[in-house]
Amino acid sequence: MRLWSLHPRYLDSKGLVALWREALLAQAVLQGKTKGYKHHPQLRRFQESKRPRQLIAAYLRAVHAEATRRGYNFDASKIGRGKLVPRSLKVTRGQMEYEWQHLNKKLRKRDPDWRKQFSDLKVTKPHPLFRMVRGDREDWEIV
C-alpha cells in the first residue's frame, strides 16, 4: 500500500488507478471493514489524527478530482463522508523528496514519456490534504 503524499497530478495512469484502489482499501481498514492492513505504516498518519475516516475520505476526494480532470470515471459513491479540508495533515520535506525519487524510479521504467513533463521540476506540491513542514523522511516510511 502506498498513499502518496505527492499531489496525484504527478502519477501516471497506472499510478493514479493504483492509488485509488489502495486508498479505498485504506478507507475500508479505517472504517473497520477489513481485518488486514490495520497496522500498515502508511495508515499511521491517518490513525493518529482525531478524524481518520474523514481524512481518508478527503484524501480520496482529491484523487477523484484528479482522475475526473483527466477524464477517468472513478466511482465517487465509494468515498466515505469527509470534505476536503486542505492542509489538514503535515508531511515533511524529506518525505516529499523521498517519494519524488521513488516515483521517478518507477516512471523511468513504467512511463518515461509521462515523467518527461516533470523533468525540470525543482519543488513538488503535496497532495492537497497535506502541508509541507521541515524534516527528514517520515519514521513510518519503509525503505
Protein backbone atom coordinates (compact mmCIF):
# COMPACT_ATOMS: atom_id res chain seq x y z
CA MET A 1 0.00 0.00 0.00
CA ARG A 2 1.30 3.45 -0.93
CA LEU A 3 -0.69 6.54 -0.01
CA TRP A 4 1.34 9.18 -1.78
CA SER A 5 1.99 12.50 -0.05
CA LEU A 6 2.72 13.90 -3.50
CA HIS A 7 -0.06 15.58 -5.44
CA PRO A 8 -1.86 12.99 -7.60
CA ARG A 9 -1.11 15.08 -10.72
CA TYR A 10 2.40 13.58 -10.78
CA LEU A 11 1.15 9.99 -11.08
CA ASP A 12 0.88 8.31 -14.43
CA SER A 13 -2.35 6.49 -15.29
CA LYS A 14 -1.28 3.21 -13.69
CA GLY A 15 -0.13 5.04 -10.58
CA LEU A 16 -3.36 7.01 -10.29
CA VAL A 17 -5.52 3.89 -10.64
CA ALA A 18 -3.36 2.04 -8.08
CA LEU A 19 -3.61 4.97 -5.67
CA TRP A 20 -7.40 5.00 -5.99
CA ARG A 21 -7.60 1.27 -5.20
CA GLU A 22 -5.13 1.46 -2.34
CA ALA A 23 -6.80 4.49 -0.79
CA LEU A 24 -10.17 2.67 -0.99
CA LEU A 25 -8.53 -0.24 0.83
CA ALA A 26 -7.15 2.19 3.42
CA GLN A 27 -10.64 3.62 3.85
CA ALA A 28 -12.05 0.11 4.45
CA VAL A 29 -9.35 -0.52 7.06
CA LEU A 30 -10.07 2.77 8.85
CA GLN A 31 -13.80 2.00 8.77
CA GLY A 32 -13.16 -1.38 10.39
CA LYS A 33 -14.45 -3.28 7.35
CA THR A 34 -11.38 -5.49 6.92
CA LYS A 35 -9.09 -7.42 9.24
CA GLY A 36 -5.90 -6.95 7.26
CA TYR A 37 -3.59 -3.94 6.99
CA LYS A 38 -4.65 -2.49 10.37
CA HIS A 39 -1.04 -1.80 11.31
CA HIS A 40 0.25 -0.75 7.92
CA PRO A 41 2.72 2.13 8.37
CA GLN A 42 1.15 4.17 5.56
CA LEU A 43 -2.01 4.45 7.67
CA ARG A 44 -0.30 5.78 10.77
CA ARG A 45 -0.72 9.47 9.96
CA PHE A 46 -4.45 8.97 9.45
CA GLN A 47 -4.85 6.77 12.53
CA GLU A 48 -3.06 9.32 14.72
CA SER A 49 -5.50 12.05 13.73
CA LYS A 50 -8.75 12.82 15.51
CA ARG A 51 -10.78 12.14 12.35
CA PRO A 52 -9.13 9.29 10.41
CA ARG A 53 -12.24 8.31 8.43
CA GLN A 54 -12.99 11.85 7.37
CA LEU A 55 -9.37 12.46 6.40
CA ILE A 56 -9.10 9.35 4.23
CA ALA A 57 -12.37 10.38 2.55
CA ALA A 58 -10.88 13.82 1.93
CA TYR A 59 -7.73 12.16 0.56
CA LEU A 60 -9.87 10.12 -1.83
CA ARG A 61 -11.81 13.21 -2.96
CA ALA A 62 -8.60 14.83 -4.18
CA VAL A 63 -7.60 11.65 -6.02
CA HIS A 64 -11.08 11.54 -7.54
CA ALA A 65 -10.79 15.19 -8.61
CA GLU A 66 -7.51 14.50 -10.42
CA ALA A 67 -8.98 11.41 -12.10
CA THR A 68 -12.01 13.43 -13.23
CA ARG A 69 -9.73 16.18 -14.56
CA ARG A 70 -8.05 13.54 -16.73
CA GLY A 71 -11.33 12.10 -17.97
CA TYR A 72 -11.42 8.94 -15.83
CA ASN A 73 -14.68 7.74 -14.32
CA PHE A 74 -13.87 6.74 -10.75
CA ASP A 75 -16.96 5.98 -8.68
CA ALA A 76 -17.30 8.79 -6.13
CA SER A 77 -20.06 6.90 -4.32
CA LYS A 78 -17.32 4.69 -2.85
CA ILE A 79 -15.90 7.63 -0.90
CA GLY A 80 -17.00 7.95 2.72
CA ARG A 81 -18.06 11.17 4.34
CA GLY A 82 -15.49 13.87 4.66
CA LYS A 83 -14.93 17.16 2.92
CA LEU A 84 -11.51 18.05 1.62
CA VAL A 85 -10.02 20.43 4.13
CA PRO A 86 -6.72 21.42 2.53
CA ARG A 87 -3.54 21.18 4.56
CA SER A 88 -5.07 19.15 7.39
CA LEU A 89 -2.06 16.86 7.84
CA LYS A 90 1.67 17.52 7.90
CA VAL A 91 4.25 15.93 5.65
CA THR A 92 7.97 16.56 5.94
CA ARG A 93 10.07 17.93 3.12
CA GLY A 94 12.30 14.85 3.45
CA GLN A 95 9.31 12.57 2.92
CA MET A 96 8.28 14.53 -0.15
CA GLU A 97 11.80 14.29 -1.57
CA TYR A 98 11.93 10.56 -0.86
CA GLU A 99 8.56 9.98 -2.55
CA TRP A 100 9.55 12.08 -5.56
CA GLN A 101 12.71 10.00 -6.04
CA HIS A 102 10.71 6.80 -5.54
CA LEU A 103 8.10 7.84 -8.10
CA ASN A 104 10.76 8.87 -10.60
CA LYS A 105 12.37 5.42 -10.38
CA LYS A 106 9.02 3.83 -11.14
CA LEU A 107 8.27 6.21 -14.00
CA ARG A 108 11.67 5.68 -15.65
CA LYS A 109 10.64 2.09 -16.28
CA ARG A 110 6.87 2.31 -16.49
CA ASP A 111 6.16 5.57 -18.32
CA PRO A 112 9.20 7.65 -19.32
CA ASP A 113 7.07 9.92 -21.53
CA TRP A 114 4.89 10.89 -18.58
CA ARG A 115 7.99 11.52 -16.49
CA LYS A 116 9.44 13.92 -19.07
CA GLN A 117 6.82 16.59 -18.38
CA PHE A 118 8.17 16.94 -14.83
CA SER A 119 11.88 16.67 -15.63
CA ASP A 120 12.62 20.33 -14.85
CA LEU A 121 10.54 20.41 -11.68
CA LYS A 122 12.52 21.52 -8.62
CA VAL A 123 9.79 21.54 -5.98
CA THR A 124 6.84 19.17 -5.93
CA LYS A 125 3.45 20.01 -4.48
CA PRO A 126 1.92 17.79 -1.83
CA HIS A 127 -1.47 16.17 -2.04
CA PRO A 128 -4.00 18.89 -1.12
CA LEU A 129 -4.61 17.25 2.26
CA PHE A 130 -1.01 17.87 3.33
CA ARG A 131 1.05 20.88 4.25
CA MET A 132 4.81 20.59 3.97
CA VAL A 133 6.99 21.18 7.02
CA ARG A 134 10.70 20.88 7.62
CA GLY A 135 12.05 17.49 8.45
CA ASP A 136 13.58 14.26 7.27
CA ARG A 137 11.84 11.26 5.78
CA GLU A 138 8.94 10.14 7.99
CA ASP A 139 9.76 7.39 10.51
CA TRP A 140 6.90 5.24 9.26
CA GLU A 141 8.38 5.06 5.75
CA ILE A 142 9.79 1.65 4.93
CA VAL A 143 12.94 1.97 2.82
